[in-house]
Amino acid sequence: MRAFLRLAAALALAALAAPAALAAFPDKPLRIIVPFAPGGGTDAITRSLGIGLGEALGQPVIVDNKPGAGTIIGTDAVAKSAPDGYTLLMATFAHAVNPALQPKLPYDTDKAFAPVALIGVSPNVLVVRADRPYKTVAELIAAARAKPGALTFASQGNGTSAHLAGELFKSLAKVDINHVPYRGAGPAMTDLLGGQVDMMFATAAAARPFVSAGKMRALAVTTAHRSPAYAAVPTLAEAGVPGYAAESWYGLYAVAGTPRDVIARLNDAVRRAVKAEAFVKQTQSEGLAVDVGAPEALDRYVRAEEMRWRKVVKDGNIKAD
């Protein structure tokens, strides 16, 4: 009987302690894993967000870069961490595409993570060298149809947003253009400027200095709506490719099983962090349209992305590097 009473007392104390523990979250530094190397757009966005998150949560936020295997190494590290809200993942386009490109992922994309918040979306920009004769998307399509297989588009690698944006363009515009993958955006942009390739669906941030300097011409943005960063540039749908939409995006995830109260606290902190001056300045340079909603909004968005890009990957017989 005494043993039973001791057990009941212990359970009662545990039940009282659980809400207190949740109320105390966070009581130590948080870590956001970025599955890319330092210095890129995702790293910059995460570090800017981390400053605001730290202020909103009252704890330091550490950015931990774990690049490799098309974001799988860093993503898997988060999947294997404790579901306590202290280890987060900054996910991108690759998170939705990898299930189609990599049939044997070490984690289940749909079950291993708990959505926290969609941060925002940004366009890729269809660019050509400034001295090329194509001044509009219609002229580019006409040139591609006149010489099937003659034009080329660069990307930073197989399965990247630039590659799949090009594959979607090929499908919807009904053109035959050849993909030329590079190991990184830098070499791809260099060869585009050098005339070795004809076009690229570059990120908004990477294209901006060359467009501003008059070295590249922006023909269209890939998002469904015009980008504030390229206000005068039409969308591909407006420019003659109906139904076209391809977005780069950033979304914050915790580990599946993280308490709902903790997810709600993190979501609220993200809503406050995106209003911080440092983050607003960073989003302007990235062309990011910030749109923070409920955790469920990120889940719906990414599941729809998974379905859409799975078809593009299958139809194009696309393989990962």
Protein backbone atom coordinates (compact mmCIF):
# COMPACT_ATOMS: atom_id res chain seq x y z
CA MET A 1 0.00 0.00 0.00
CA ARG A 2 2.83 2.36 0.92
CA ALA A 3 4.56 1.63 -2.39
CA PHE A 4 1.36 2.47 -4.22
CA LEU A 5 1.04 5.77 -2.36
CA ARG A 6 4.67 6.67 -3.14
CA LEU A 7 4.09 5.93 -6.84
CA ALA A 8 0.91 8.02 -6.87
CA ALA A 9 2.74 10.91 -5.22
CA ALA A 10 5.59 10.70 -7.74
CA LEU A 11 3.15 10.73 -10.66
CA ALA A 12 1.35 13.73 -9.20
CA LEU A 13 4.61 15.62 -8.82
CA ALA A 14 5.59 14.78 -12.40
CA ALA A 15 2.25 16.04 -13.69
CA LEU A 16 2.76 19.31 -11.82
CA ALA A 17 6.35 19.64 -13.05
CA ALA A 18 5.52 19.16 -16.75
CA PRO A 19 3.60 22.44 -17.22
CA ALA A 20 6.27 24.25 -15.25
CA ALA A 21 8.96 22.88 -17.56
CA LEU A 22 7.02 23.98 -20.60
CA ALA A 23 6.42 27.40 -19.10
CA ALA A 24 10.17 27.76 -18.59
CA PHE A 25 10.99 27.08 -22.26
CA PRO A 26 13.56 28.04 -23.28
CA ASP A 27 15.96 27.90 -20.36
CA LYS A 28 19.12 27.29 -22.42
CA PRO A 29 20.49 28.25 -25.88
CA LEU A 30 18.73 27.01 -29.02
CA ARG A 31 20.39 25.67 -32.14
CA ILE A 32 19.24 26.05 -35.76
CA ILE A 33 20.88 23.60 -38.12
CA VAL A 34 21.48 24.97 -41.61
CA PRO A 35 22.10 22.09 -44.04
CA PHE A 36 24.35 24.29 -46.21
CA ALA A 37 27.84 25.72 -45.91
CA PRO A 38 28.37 29.13 -44.29
CA GLY A 39 28.13 32.21 -46.46
CA GLY A 40 25.16 31.35 -48.68
CA GLY A 41 21.68 32.81 -48.78
CA THR A 42 20.16 30.28 -46.37
CA ASP A 43 22.95 30.85 -43.89
CA ALA A 44 22.50 34.63 -44.06
CA ILE A 45 18.72 34.45 -43.66
CA THR A 46 19.05 32.06 -40.70
CA ARG A 47 21.63 34.18 -38.91
CA SER A 48 19.49 37.30 -39.33
CA LEU A 49 16.42 35.44 -38.08
CA GLY A 50 18.40 33.99 -35.19
CA ILE A 51 19.16 37.47 -33.84
CA GLY A 52 15.47 38.29 -33.61
CA LEU A 53 14.59 34.86 -32.24
CA GLY A 54 17.17 35.23 -29.50
CA GLU A 55 15.69 38.57 -28.48
CA ALA A 56 12.14 37.20 -28.54
CA LEU A 57 13.00 34.06 -26.56
CA GLY A 58 15.55 35.52 -24.17
CA GLN A 59 18.17 32.91 -25.06
CA PRO A 60 21.06 32.80 -27.53
CA VAL A 61 20.32 31.12 -30.87
CA ILE A 62 23.30 29.31 -32.37
CA VAL A 63 23.49 28.62 -36.11
CA ASP A 64 25.12 25.27 -36.83
CA ASN A 65 26.11 24.61 -40.46
CA LYS A 66 26.00 20.94 -41.48
CA PRO A 67 26.29 20.83 -45.28
CA GLY A 68 26.44 17.80 -47.51
CA ALA A 69 24.47 15.21 -49.48
CA GLY A 70 21.98 17.72 -50.84
CA THR A 71 20.96 18.90 -47.32
CA ILE A 72 20.42 15.33 -46.07
CA ILE A 73 23.27 15.34 -43.53
CA GLY A 74 22.03 18.38 -41.65
CA THR A 75 18.39 17.39 -41.93
CA ASP A 76 19.11 13.92 -40.56
CA ALA A 77 20.96 15.44 -37.60
CA VAL A 78 17.78 17.30 -36.66
CA ALA A 79 15.61 14.21 -37.18
CA LYS A 80 17.76 12.32 -34.65
CA SER A 81 17.76 15.07 -32.00
CA ALA A 82 15.56 15.32 -28.91
CA PRO A 83 11.97 16.56 -29.43
CA ASP A 84 12.30 19.42 -27.00
CA GLY A 85 12.36 22.51 -29.26
CA TYR A 86 16.03 23.26 -28.71
CA THR A 87 17.20 21.89 -32.07
CA LEU A 88 15.57 23.34 -35.18
CA LEU A 89 15.99 22.95 -38.93
CA MET A 90 15.99 25.72 -41.51
CA ALA A 91 14.47 23.87 -44.44
CA THR A 92 14.41 25.00 -48.04
CA PHE A 93 13.27 23.88 -51.49
CA ALA A 94 15.47 20.77 -51.19
CA HIS A 95 13.40 19.52 -48.25
CA ALA A 96 10.36 19.10 -50.51
CA VAL A 97 12.31 17.70 -53.47
CA ASN A 98 14.58 15.17 -51.78
CA PRO A 99 11.84 12.55 -51.25
CA ALA A 100 11.50 12.33 -55.05
CA LEU A 101 15.23 12.51 -55.77
CA GLN A 102 16.39 10.25 -52.93
CA PRO A 103 14.20 7.17 -52.49
CA LYS A 104 16.22 5.95 -49.47
CA LEU A 105 16.37 8.92 -47.13
CA PRO A 106 17.51 8.13 -43.56
CA TYR A 107 14.39 9.88 -42.23
CA ASP A 108 10.72 10.15 -43.17
CA THR A 109 10.22 13.73 -44.39
CA ASP A 110 6.51 13.72 -43.58
CA LYS A 111 6.80 12.14 -40.11
CA ALA A 112 10.16 13.12 -38.61
CA PHE A 113 9.54 16.85 -38.23
CA ALA A 114 7.07 19.24 -36.64
CA PRO A 115 6.39 22.45 -38.59
CA VAL A 116 7.03 25.71 -36.77
CA ALA A 117 6.58 28.43 -39.39
CA LEU A 118 6.94 29.22 -43.07
CA ILE A 119 9.29 32.22 -43.13
CA GLY A 120 8.68 33.35 -46.71
CA VAL A 121 9.19 32.71 -50.41
CA SER A 122 11.47 34.26 -52.99
CA PRO A 123 11.82 33.98 -56.76
CA ASN A 124 14.45 32.65 -59.02
CA VAL A 125 15.11 35.02 -61.91
CA LEU A 126 15.43 33.96 -65.54
CA VAL A 127 18.55 35.83 -66.68
CA VAL A 128 20.57 36.00 -69.88
CA ARG A 129 23.75 37.87 -70.68
CA ALA A 130 22.97 41.50 -71.46
CA ASP A 131 24.32 41.33 -75.01
CA ARG A 132 22.11 38.40 -76.00
CA PRO A 133 19.37 39.21 -78.53
CA TYR A 134 16.54 37.92 -76.30
CA LYS A 135 14.81 40.88 -74.68
CA THR A 136 11.64 39.01 -73.68
CA VAL A 137 10.63 35.50 -72.72
CA ALA A 138 8.65 35.25 -75.97
CA GLU A 139 11.82 35.95 -77.97
CA LEU A 140 13.74 33.38 -75.96
CA ILE A 141 11.06 30.74 -76.54
CA ALA A 142 10.99 31.53 -80.26
CA ALA A 143 14.78 31.08 -80.45
CA ALA A 144 14.60 27.78 -78.57
CA ARG A 145 11.87 26.45 -80.85
CA ALA A 146 13.77 27.55 -83.95
CA LYS A 147 16.78 25.44 -82.94
CA PRO A 148 15.68 22.60 -80.65
CA GLY A 149 18.45 21.48 -78.31
CA ALA A 150 20.76 24.36 -79.19
CA LEU A 151 20.18 26.58 -76.13
CA THR A 152 21.50 25.72 -72.67
CA PHE A 153 20.61 26.65 -69.11
CA ALA A 154 22.94 26.49 -66.13
CA SER A 155 22.23 25.47 -62.55
CA GLN A 156 24.18 24.93 -59.36
CA GLY A 157 23.61 21.17 -59.61
CA ASN A 158 21.12 18.43 -60.40
CA GLY A 159 17.92 18.65 -58.39
CA THR A 160 18.48 22.25 -57.25
CA SER A 161 15.84 24.96 -57.50
CA ALA A 162 17.55 26.42 -60.58
CA HIS A 163 17.54 23.02 -62.29
CA LEU A 164 13.92 22.19 -61.56
CA ALA A 165 12.80 25.71 -62.46
CA GLY A 166 14.37 25.11 -65.86
CA GLU A 167 12.75 21.70 -66.23
CA LEU A 168 9.34 23.19 -65.45
CA PHE A 169 10.01 25.91 -68.04
CA LYS A 170 10.88 23.27 -70.65
CA SER A 171 7.67 21.39 -69.92
CA LEU A 172 5.24 24.32 -69.86
CA ALA A 173 6.85 26.35 -72.66
CA LYS A 174 7.30 23.21 -74.78
CA VAL A 175 10.93 23.91 -75.61
CA ASP A 176 13.99 21.68 -75.89
CA ILE A 177 16.88 23.28 -73.98
CA ASN A 178 19.82 21.47 -72.41
CA HIS A 179 20.67 21.52 -68.73
CA VAL A 180 24.29 22.16 -67.74
CA PRO A 181 24.87 21.43 -64.01
CA TYR A 182 27.70 23.07 -62.07
CA ARG A 183 29.07 22.52 -58.60
CA GLY A 184 27.70 25.70 -57.13
CA ALA A 185 26.06 28.91 -58.25
CA GLY A 186 29.35 30.79 -58.55
CA PRO A 187 30.80 28.72 -61.43
CA ALA A 188 27.40 28.68 -63.16
CA MET A 189 27.12 32.47 -63.06
CA THR A 190 30.72 32.82 -64.24
CA ASP A 191 30.07 30.70 -67.32
CA LEU A 192 26.81 32.52 -68.03
CA LEU A 193 28.72 35.80 -68.01
CA GLY A 194 31.40 34.22 -70.17
CA GLY A 195 28.90 33.06 -72.76
CA GLN A 196 29.43 29.32 -72.25
CA VAL A 197 25.73 28.88 -71.40
CA ASP A 198 22.70 30.85 -72.56
CA MET A 199 20.50 31.34 -69.50
CA MET A 200 20.02 30.56 -65.84
CA PHE A 201 17.19 30.54 -63.31
CA ALA A 202 19.36 32.26 -60.70
CA THR A 203 18.40 33.22 -57.17
CA ALA A 204 17.25 36.80 -56.74
CA ALA A 205 20.23 37.67 -54.54
CA ALA A 206 22.82 36.12 -56.87
CA ALA A 207 21.43 37.83 -59.98
CA ARG A 208 20.90 41.29 -58.48
CA PRO A 209 24.46 42.73 -58.72
CA PHE A 210 24.88 41.59 -62.34
CA VAL A 211 21.46 42.89 -63.39
CA SER A 212 22.11 46.20 -61.62
CA ALA A 213 25.51 46.48 -63.33
CA GLY A 214 23.98 45.89 -66.76
CA LYS A 215 25.86 42.63 -67.29
CA MET A 216 22.73 40.46 -67.24
CA ARG A 217 19.16 41.00 -68.37
CA ALA A 218 16.31 39.76 -66.16
CA LEU A 219 13.54 38.41 -68.39
CA ALA A 220 11.13 37.10 -65.74
CA VAL A 221 10.73 35.96 -62.15
CA THR A 222 9.58 32.44 -61.37
CA THR A 223 7.06 33.17 -58.62
CA ALA A 224 3.32 33.42 -59.20
CA HIS A 225 3.41 37.11 -58.25
CA ARG A 226 5.93 39.84 -59.01
CA SER A 227 8.80 40.28 -56.60
CA PRO A 228 9.33 43.59 -54.76
CA ALA A 229 13.03 43.14 -55.51
CA TYR A 230 12.32 43.04 -59.27
CA ALA A 231 9.14 45.09 -59.46
CA ALA A 232 9.49 45.92 -63.16
CA VAL A 233 10.18 42.32 -64.19
CA PRO A 234 7.15 40.19 -65.18
CA THR A 235 6.42 36.74 -63.89
CA LEU A 236 6.91 33.87 -66.32
CA ALA A 237 3.15 33.38 -66.35
CA GLU A 238 2.68 37.03 -67.37
CA ALA A 239 5.46 36.70 -69.95
CA GLY A 240 3.79 33.91 -71.87
CA VAL A 241 4.13 30.66 -69.87
CA PRO A 242 0.67 30.17 -68.27
CA GLY A 243 0.59 28.24 -65.02
CA TYR A 244 4.28 28.65 -64.30
CA ALA A 245 5.26 29.06 -60.64
CA ALA A 246 8.45 27.97 -58.90
CA GLU A 247 9.52 29.36 -55.55
CA SER A 248 12.49 29.21 -53.27
CA TRP A 249 11.36 29.19 -49.66
CA TYR A 250 12.47 29.00 -46.05
CA GLY A 251 10.65 27.09 -43.35
CA LEU A 252 11.53 26.38 -39.73
CA TYR A 253 10.99 22.89 -38.30
CA ALA A 254 11.35 21.23 -34.91
CA VAL A 255 11.48 17.48 -34.31
CA ALA A 256 8.29 15.43 -34.37
CA GLY A 257 6.95 14.99 -30.86
CA THR A 258 7.95 18.46 -29.69
CA PRO A 259 5.25 19.67 -27.25
CA ARG A 260 2.58 21.88 -28.80
CA ASP A 261 3.16 24.61 -26.23
CA VAL A 262 6.80 24.79 -27.30
CA ILE A 263 5.85 24.92 -31.00
CA ALA A 264 3.42 27.76 -30.25
CA ARG A 265 6.13 29.66 -28.36
CA LEU A 266 8.56 29.23 -31.26
CA ASN A 267 5.96 30.29 -33.82
CA ASP A 268 5.22 33.44 -31.84
CA ALA A 269 8.94 34.20 -31.60
CA VAL A 270 9.32 33.83 -35.38
CA ARG A 271 6.46 36.28 -35.95
CA ARG A 272 8.33 38.82 -33.83
CA ALA A 273 11.77 38.03 -35.24
CA VAL A 274 10.81 38.73 -38.86
CA LYS A 275 9.98 42.32 -37.86
CA ALA A 276 13.50 42.98 -36.58
CA GLU A 277 15.51 45.55 -38.55
CA ALA A 278 18.39 43.17 -39.34
CA PHE A 279 16.02 40.59 -40.76
CA VAL A 280 14.03 43.11 -42.81
CA LYS A 281 17.25 44.37 -44.43
CA GLN A 282 18.33 40.82 -45.24
CA THR A 283 15.00 39.91 -46.81
CA GLN A 284 15.16 42.95 -49.07
CA SER A 285 18.50 41.83 -50.50
CA GLU A 286 17.18 38.28 -50.95
CA GLY A 287 13.90 39.39 -52.56
CA LEU A 288 12.09 37.39 -49.87
CA ALA A 289 8.36 37.92 -49.43
CA VAL A 290 7.82 37.25 -45.72
CA ASP A 291 4.62 35.37 -44.90
CA VAL A 292 4.62 33.81 -41.43
CA GLY A 293 1.52 31.81 -40.63
CA ALA A 294 0.48 29.01 -38.30
CA PRO A 295 2.57 25.82 -38.21
CA GLU A 296 -0.13 24.05 -40.21
CA ALA A 297 0.38 26.51 -43.08
CA LEU A 298 3.99 25.34 -43.49
CA ASP A 299 2.86 21.71 -43.44
CA ARG A 300 0.24 22.28 -46.16
CA TYR A 301 2.63 24.31 -48.30
CA VAL A 302 5.46 21.77 -48.23
CA ARG A 303 3.20 18.78 -48.87
CA ALA A 304 1.85 20.54 -51.96
CA GLU A 305 5.43 21.31 -53.05
CA GLU A 306 6.38 17.65 -52.62
CA MET A 307 3.56 16.52 -54.89
CA ARG A 308 4.24 19.13 -57.57
CA TRP A 309 7.96 18.54 -57.84
CA ARG A 310 7.65 14.76 -57.64
CA LYS A 311 5.85 14.91 -60.98
CA VAL A 312 8.51 17.18 -62.51
CA VAL A 313 11.29 14.88 -61.28
CA LYS A 314 9.53 11.81 -62.65
CA ASP A 315 8.60 13.33 -66.01
CA GLY A 316 12.12 14.68 -66.52
CA ASN A 317 13.81 11.49 -65.28
CA ILE A 318 15.92 13.70 -63.00
CA LYS A 319 18.59 12.12 -60.84
CA ALA A 320 20.47 13.62 -57.91
CA ASP A 321 24.23 14.24 -58.14
